[in-house]
Amino acid sequence: MPKAYYDNTISGFLGTSDETILGRLMISDEFRTTIEQKNSWRSEIEILKRQLRHVPDGSIIFEYSTCTLAPVYHGLSPEKRTVKQKTGGCN
């Protein structure tokens, strides 16, 4: 699974059509894309393209997945608990 639904350089982002970016986001979406989410992405793309047009370099990432390391406790009493990190399948 890719870590980001969409990532590109800023110049690449600016040179890519809004429809292509939206399509990549929707294809990468692991969940059912709602109309509200689709409209939100459309607005974000338009706003970011206006705001970033004078930025010479950099990168842009939409919907980046992060792994949350949540402690998992094993043992019966607090004194004997050992902690292992649960990664939820993230590498």
Protein backbone atom coordinates (compact mmCIF):
# COMPACT_ATOMS: atom_id res chain seq x y z
CA MET A 1 0.00 0.00 0.00
CA PRO A 2 1.43 3.39 -0.93
CA LYS A 3 1.93 5.75 2.00
CA ALA A 4 0.31 8.71 0.25
CA TYR A 5 -2.76 8.89 -1.96
CA TYR A 6 -0.96 11.52 -4.06
CA ASP A 7 2.56 12.93 -3.92
CA ASN A 8 4.49 15.03 -6.36
CA THR A 9 6.87 17.94 -6.63
CA ILE A 10 5.15 21.30 -6.46
CA SER A 11 6.00 21.98 -10.11
CA GLY A 12 4.61 18.55 -11.04
CA PHE A 13 1.46 19.22 -9.02
CA LEU A 14 0.96 22.58 -10.73
CA GLY A 15 1.43 20.99 -14.15
CA THR A 16 -1.04 18.15 -13.55
CA SER A 17 -4.72 18.63 -14.33
CA ASP A 18 -7.11 18.87 -11.39
CA GLU A 19 -9.03 15.89 -12.77
CA THR A 20 -5.91 13.72 -12.88
CA ILE A 21 -5.01 14.59 -9.28
CA LEU A 22 -8.59 13.96 -8.11
CA GLY A 23 -8.62 10.65 -9.98
CA ARG A 24 -5.39 9.51 -8.29
CA LEU A 25 -6.82 10.46 -4.90
CA MET A 26 -10.04 8.57 -5.53
CA ILE A 27 -8.29 5.48 -6.90
CA SER A 28 -5.95 5.40 -3.89
CA ASP A 29 -8.76 5.90 -1.37
CA GLU A 30 -9.10 2.73 0.71
CA PHE A 31 -12.56 3.75 1.80
CA ARG A 32 -15.73 4.64 -0.03
CA THR A 33 -15.17 8.17 -1.33
CA THR A 34 -18.11 10.37 -0.34
CA ILE A 35 -19.26 13.37 -2.35
CA GLU A 36 -18.16 15.56 0.56
CA GLN A 37 -14.64 14.12 0.43
CA LYS A 38 -14.47 14.51 -3.34
CA ASN A 39 -15.60 18.15 -3.11
CA SER A 40 -13.11 18.78 -0.31
CA TRP A 41 -10.25 17.45 -2.43
CA ARG A 42 -11.39 19.58 -5.38
CA SER A 43 -11.34 22.70 -3.20
CA GLU A 44 -7.97 21.81 -1.70
CA ILE A 45 -6.45 21.30 -5.14
CA GLU A 46 -7.76 24.66 -6.41
CA ILE A 47 -6.62 26.56 -3.31
CA LEU A 48 -3.19 24.93 -3.23
CA LYS A 49 -2.58 25.57 -6.92
CA ARG A 50 -3.34 29.28 -6.42
CA GLN A 51 -1.19 29.54 -3.30
CA LEU A 52 1.78 27.51 -4.55
CA ARG A 53 2.20 28.92 -8.07
CA HIS A 54 5.12 31.13 -6.96
CA VAL A 55 6.85 28.50 -4.84
CA PRO A 56 10.01 27.48 -6.70
CA ASP A 57 10.47 23.99 -5.32
CA GLY A 58 9.25 21.51 -2.76
CA SER A 59 6.87 18.59 -2.50
CA ILE A 60 3.19 18.11 -1.86
CA ILE A 61 1.47 15.11 -0.30
CA PHE A 62 -2.23 14.35 0.04
CA GLU A 63 -3.58 11.84 2.57
CA TYR A 64 -0.34 10.53 4.02
CA SER A 65 -0.66 7.35 6.08
CA THR A 66 1.21 7.19 9.34
CA CYS A 67 1.73 4.28 11.65
CA THR A 68 0.63 4.86 15.19
CA LEU A 69 2.63 2.90 17.65
CA ALA A 70 0.18 2.04 20.39
CA PRO A 71 1.47 0.23 23.44
CA VAL A 72 0.01 -3.21 23.98
CA TYR A 73 0.17 -4.42 27.58
CA HIS A 74 0.71 -8.07 28.46
CA GLY A 75 0.59 -9.47 31.96
CA LEU A 76 -1.87 -9.57 34.78
CA SER A 77 -0.60 -6.97 37.21
CA PRO A 78 0.76 -3.45 36.53
CA GLU A 79 4.09 -4.48 38.11
CA LYS A 80 4.53 -7.36 35.67
CA ARG A 81 3.32 -5.65 32.50
CA THR A 82 5.58 -5.73 29.50
CA VAL A 83 5.09 -3.36 26.64
CA LYS A 84 5.30 -4.32 23.00
CA GLN A 85 4.78 -1.94 20.12
CA LYS A 86 1.87 -2.73 17.84
CA THR A 87 2.41 -1.35 14.35
CA GLY A 88 -0.92 -2.17 12.76
CA GLY A 89 0.74 -3.67 9.69
CA CYS A 90 2.90 -0.65 8.85
CA ASN A 91 6.46 -1.23 7.80
